[in-house]
Amino acid sequence: MSQSREPAIFGVACDMPQLKGELIRHLISLSEGVDAVVPRSASGFEPLHAYYGKGCLPALEELMQGGDKKVISLLPRVRVREVSAEEVALYDQEFESFVNINTPDDYYKLRSCRKEPSEQGFSRFMQSL
């Protein structure tokens, strides 16, 4: 982030292949006056699919110097705009943006279900209500 020429970055995990441009644009549109915009799902915050402004740098540096490398530890230290699961569902009803692939089996499941709606994503949304 410190090397970016832009005032902010959109951070996403490399194992999340189902990004939704509409959701990303919406999160970025909510960035006025905050350091971070972080969506929620039924699992909680999704900090590896979020907007982070350079205002986060002092807190990030402090955390890293203390040995804490968890992104979630940053949130209480900066101004965060939380995006509720209900709001996320307007742009990604199935919550596919947060599905990650950790194994070859995950990859093959994703490929075989690519054209069908994700029951798992919808179930996570319903649990969050």
C-alpha atoms as a PDB file:
ATOM      1  CA  MET A   1       0.000   0.000   0.000  1.00  0.00           C
ATOM      2  CA  SER A   2       2.827   2.403   0.804  1.00  0.00           C
ATOM      3  CA  GLN A   3       4.202   1.954  -2.727  1.00  0.00           C
ATOM      4  CA  SER A   4       0.893   2.637  -4.447  1.00  0.00           C
ATOM      5  CA  ARG A   5       0.638   5.894  -6.365  1.00  0.00           C
ATOM      6  CA  GLU A   6      -3.098   5.911  -5.700  1.00  0.00           C
ATOM      7  CA  PRO A   7      -4.701   7.146  -2.451  1.00  0.00           C
ATOM      8  CA  ALA A   8      -6.245   3.717  -1.844  1.00  0.00           C
ATOM      9  CA  ILE A   9      -6.164   0.082  -2.867  1.00  0.00           C
ATOM     10  CA  PHE A  10      -8.759  -2.618  -3.235  1.00  0.00           C
ATOM     11  CA  GLY A  11      -7.372  -5.690  -1.515  1.00  0.00           C
ATOM     12  CA  VAL A  12      -8.552  -9.145  -2.459  1.00  0.00           C
ATOM     13  CA  ALA A  13      -7.227 -12.602  -1.687  1.00  0.00           C
ATOM     14  CA  CYS A  14      -5.644 -14.399  -4.620  1.00  0.00           C
ATOM     15  CA  ASP A  15      -7.860 -17.448  -4.071  1.00  0.00           C
ATOM     16  CA  MET A  16     -11.166 -15.602  -4.608  1.00  0.00           C
ATOM     17  CA  PRO A  17     -11.855 -15.975  -8.343  1.00  0.00           C
ATOM     18  CA  GLN A  18     -15.510 -14.913  -8.483  1.00  0.00           C
ATOM     19  CA  LEU A  19     -15.183 -11.165  -8.085  1.00  0.00           C
ATOM     20  CA  LYS A  20     -18.172  -8.994  -8.939  1.00  0.00           C
ATOM     21  CA  GLY A  21     -17.273  -5.659 -10.495  1.00  0.00           C
ATOM     22  CA  GLU A  22     -20.590  -4.144  -9.388  1.00  0.00           C
ATOM     23  CA  LEU A  23     -19.861  -4.977  -5.746  1.00  0.00           C
ATOM     24  CA  ILE A  24     -16.320  -3.642  -5.921  1.00  0.00           C
ATOM     25  CA  ARG A  25     -17.513  -0.383  -7.503  1.00  0.00           C
ATOM     26  CA  HIS A  26     -20.188  -0.057  -4.807  1.00  0.00           C
ATOM     27  CA  LEU A  27     -17.665  -0.553  -1.996  1.00  0.00           C
ATOM     28  CA  ILE A  28     -15.362   2.061  -3.486  1.00  0.00           C
ATOM     29  CA  SER A  29     -18.286   4.481  -3.828  1.00  0.00           C
ATOM     30  CA  LEU A  30     -18.709   4.330  -0.035  1.00  0.00           C
ATOM     31  CA  SER A  31     -15.146   5.395   0.757  1.00  0.00           C
ATOM     32  CA  GLU A  32     -15.748   9.090   1.428  1.00  0.00           C
ATOM     33  CA  GLY A  33     -14.591  10.036   4.927  1.00  0.00           C
ATOM     34  CA  VAL A  34     -13.373   6.572   5.981  1.00  0.00           C
ATOM     35  CA  ASP A  35     -10.115   4.644   5.900  1.00  0.00           C
ATOM     36  CA  ALA A  36     -11.627   1.297   4.936  1.00  0.00           C
ATOM     37  CA  VAL A  37     -14.821  -0.131   3.465  1.00  0.00           C
ATOM     38  CA  VAL A  38     -15.329  -3.743   4.503  1.00  0.00           C
ATOM     39  CA  PRO A  39     -18.244  -6.001   3.559  1.00  0.00           C
ATOM     40  CA  ARG A  40     -19.846  -8.543   5.862  1.00  0.00           C
ATOM     41  CA  SER A  41     -21.279 -11.967   5.206  1.00  0.00           C
ATOM     42  CA  ALA A  42     -22.810 -14.513   7.570  1.00  0.00           C
ATOM     43  CA  SER A  43     -19.214 -15.404   8.452  1.00  0.00           C
ATOM     44  CA  GLY A  44     -18.472 -11.857   9.627  1.00  0.00           C
ATOM     45  CA  PHE A  45     -16.171  -9.254   8.138  1.00  0.00           C
ATOM     46  CA  GLU A  46     -14.593 -10.048   4.768  1.00  0.00           C
ATOM     47  CA  PRO A  47     -11.340  -8.054   5.143  1.00  0.00           C
ATOM     48  CA  LEU A  48      -9.673  -9.793   2.195  1.00  0.00           C
ATOM     49  CA  HIS A  49     -12.213  -8.247  -0.175  1.00  0.00           C
ATOM     50  CA  ALA A  50     -12.148  -4.593   0.863  1.00  0.00           C
ATOM     51  CA  TYR A  51     -11.144  -1.002   0.130  1.00  0.00           C
ATOM     52  CA  TYR A  52      -8.217   0.413   2.134  1.00  0.00           C
ATOM     53  CA  GLY A  53      -7.089   4.020   2.017  1.00  0.00           C
ATOM     54  CA  LYS A  54      -3.610   5.217   2.875  1.00  0.00           C
ATOM     55  CA  GLY A  55      -5.016   6.470   6.188  1.00  0.00           C
ATOM     56  CA  CYS A  56      -4.622   2.845   7.286  1.00  0.00           C
ATOM     57  CA  LEU A  57      -0.832   2.924   6.925  1.00  0.00           C
ATOM     58  CA  PRO A  58       0.121   4.126  10.448  1.00  0.00           C
ATOM     59  CA  ALA A  59      -2.065   1.473  12.095  1.00  0.00           C
ATOM     60  CA  LEU A  60      -0.822  -1.213   9.681  1.00  0.00           C
ATOM     61  CA  GLU A  61       2.793  -0.359  10.386  1.00  0.00           C
ATOM     62  CA  GLU A  62       2.164  -0.443  14.128  1.00  0.00           C
ATOM     63  CA  LEU A  63       0.483  -3.847  13.892  1.00  0.00           C
ATOM     64  CA  MET A  64       3.253  -5.285  11.745  1.00  0.00           C
ATOM     65  CA  GLN A  65       5.965  -3.983  14.064  1.00  0.00           C
ATOM     66  CA  GLY A  66       4.142  -5.726  16.909  1.00  0.00           C
ATOM     67  CA  GLY A  67       4.064  -8.972  14.921  1.00  0.00           C
ATOM     68  CA  ASP A  68       0.313  -8.930  14.278  1.00  0.00           C
ATOM     69  CA  LYS A  69      -0.267  -9.741  10.617  1.00  0.00           C
ATOM     70  CA  LYS A  70      -4.026 -10.332  10.773  1.00  0.00           C
ATOM     71  CA  VAL A  71      -5.932  -7.924   8.553  1.00  0.00           C
ATOM     72  CA  ILE A  72      -8.929  -8.104  10.896  1.00  0.00           C
ATOM     73  CA  SER A  73      -6.797  -6.539  13.661  1.00  0.00           C
ATOM     74  CA  LEU A  74      -6.635  -3.346  11.637  1.00  0.00           C
ATOM     75  CA  LEU A  75     -10.371  -2.636  11.695  1.00  0.00           C
ATOM     76  CA  PRO A  76     -10.741  -1.388  15.289  1.00  0.00           C
ATOM     77  CA  ARG A  77      -7.837   1.016  14.687  1.00  0.00           C
ATOM     78  CA  VAL A  78      -9.217   2.870  11.640  1.00  0.00           C
ATOM     79  CA  ARG A  79     -12.439   4.490  10.456  1.00  0.00           C
ATOM     80  CA  VAL A  80     -14.407   1.672   8.830  1.00  0.00           C
ATOM     81  CA  ARG A  81     -17.578   1.755   6.774  1.00  0.00           C
ATOM     82  CA  GLU A  82     -19.136  -1.648   7.343  1.00  0.00           C
ATOM     83  CA  VAL A  83     -21.265  -2.933   4.475  1.00  0.00           C
ATOM     84  CA  SER A  84     -24.004  -5.221   5.751  1.00  0.00           C
ATOM     85  CA  ALA A  85     -24.763  -8.626   4.263  1.00  0.00           C
ATOM     86  CA  GLU A  86     -28.114  -7.257   3.087  1.00  0.00           C
ATOM     87  CA  GLU A  87     -26.357  -4.499   1.160  1.00  0.00           C
ATOM     88  CA  VAL A  88     -23.787  -6.917  -0.277  1.00  0.00           C
ATOM     89  CA  ALA A  89     -26.651  -9.135  -1.501  1.00  0.00           C
ATOM     90  CA  LEU A  90     -27.884  -6.298  -3.702  1.00  0.00           C
ATOM     91  CA  TYR A  91     -24.709  -6.745  -5.780  1.00  0.00           C
ATOM     92  CA  ASP A  92     -23.841 -10.385  -5.140  1.00  0.00           C
ATOM     93  CA  GLN A  93     -26.929 -12.279  -4.038  1.00  0.00           C
ATOM     94  CA  GLU A  94     -25.092 -15.590  -3.860  1.00  0.00           C
ATOM     95  CA  PHE A  95     -22.056 -14.152  -1.999  1.00  0.00           C
ATOM     96  CA  GLU A  96     -19.809 -15.744  -4.600  1.00  0.00           C
ATOM     97  CA  SER A  97     -17.265 -12.947  -4.195  1.00  0.00           C
ATOM     98  CA  PHE A  98     -16.153 -14.416  -0.876  1.00  0.00           C
ATOM     99  CA  VAL A  99     -15.816 -18.042  -1.950  1.00  0.00           C
ATOM    100  CA  ASN A 100     -12.199 -19.071  -2.020  1.00  0.00           C
ATOM    101  CA  ILE A 101     -10.437 -21.984  -3.588  1.00  0.00           C
ATOM    102  CA  ASN A 102      -7.972 -23.770  -1.325  1.00  0.00           C
ATOM    103  CA  THR A 103      -7.763 -27.240  -2.845  1.00  0.00           C
ATOM    104  CA  PRO A 104      -7.977 -28.879  -6.254  1.00  0.00           C
ATOM    105  CA  ASP A 105     -11.352 -30.271  -5.165  1.00  0.00           C
ATOM    106  CA  ASP A 106     -12.612 -26.712  -4.512  1.00  0.00           C
ATOM    107  CA  TYR A 107     -11.504 -25.775  -8.018  1.00  0.00           C
ATOM    108  CA  TYR A 108     -13.275 -28.709  -9.660  1.00  0.00           C
ATOM    109  CA  LYS A 109     -16.454 -28.035  -7.677  1.00  0.00           C
ATOM    110  CA  LEU A 110     -16.403 -24.411  -8.814  1.00  0.00           C
ATOM    111  CA  ARG A 111     -15.958 -25.408 -12.450  1.00  0.00           C
ATOM    112  CA  SER A 112     -18.728 -27.997 -12.348  1.00  0.00           C
ATOM    113  CA  CYS A 113     -21.221 -25.592 -10.735  1.00  0.00           C
ATOM    114  CA  ARG A 114     -20.223 -22.478 -12.655  1.00  0.00           C
ATOM    115  CA  LYS A 115     -23.540 -22.050 -14.453  1.00  0.00           C
ATOM    116  CA  GLU A 116     -25.775 -22.774 -11.460  1.00  0.00           C
ATOM    117  CA  PRO A 117     -26.541 -20.374  -8.585  1.00  0.00           C
ATOM    118  CA  SER A 118     -24.586 -21.046  -5.432  1.00  0.00           C
ATOM    119  CA  GLU A 119     -26.830 -22.524  -2.756  1.00  0.00           C
ATOM    120  CA  GLN A 120     -24.041 -22.046  -0.240  1.00  0.00           C
ATOM    121  CA  GLY A 121     -23.856 -18.294  -0.876  1.00  0.00           C
ATOM    122  CA  PHE A 122     -27.596 -17.848  -0.584  1.00  0.00           C
ATOM    123  CA  SER A 123     -27.658 -19.900   2.620  1.00  0.00           C
ATOM    124  CA  ARG A 124     -24.949 -17.691   4.146  1.00  0.00           C
ATOM    125  CA  PHE A 125     -26.984 -14.610   3.310  1.00  0.00           C
ATOM    126  CA  MET A 126     -30.146 -16.056   4.853  1.00  0.00           C
ATOM    127  CA  GLN A 127     -28.254 -16.975   8.032  1.00  0.00           C
ATOM    128  CA  SER A 128     -27.071 -13.380   8.377  1.00  0.00           C
ATOM    129  CA  LEU A 129     -30.617 -11.976   8.512  1.00  0.00           C
END
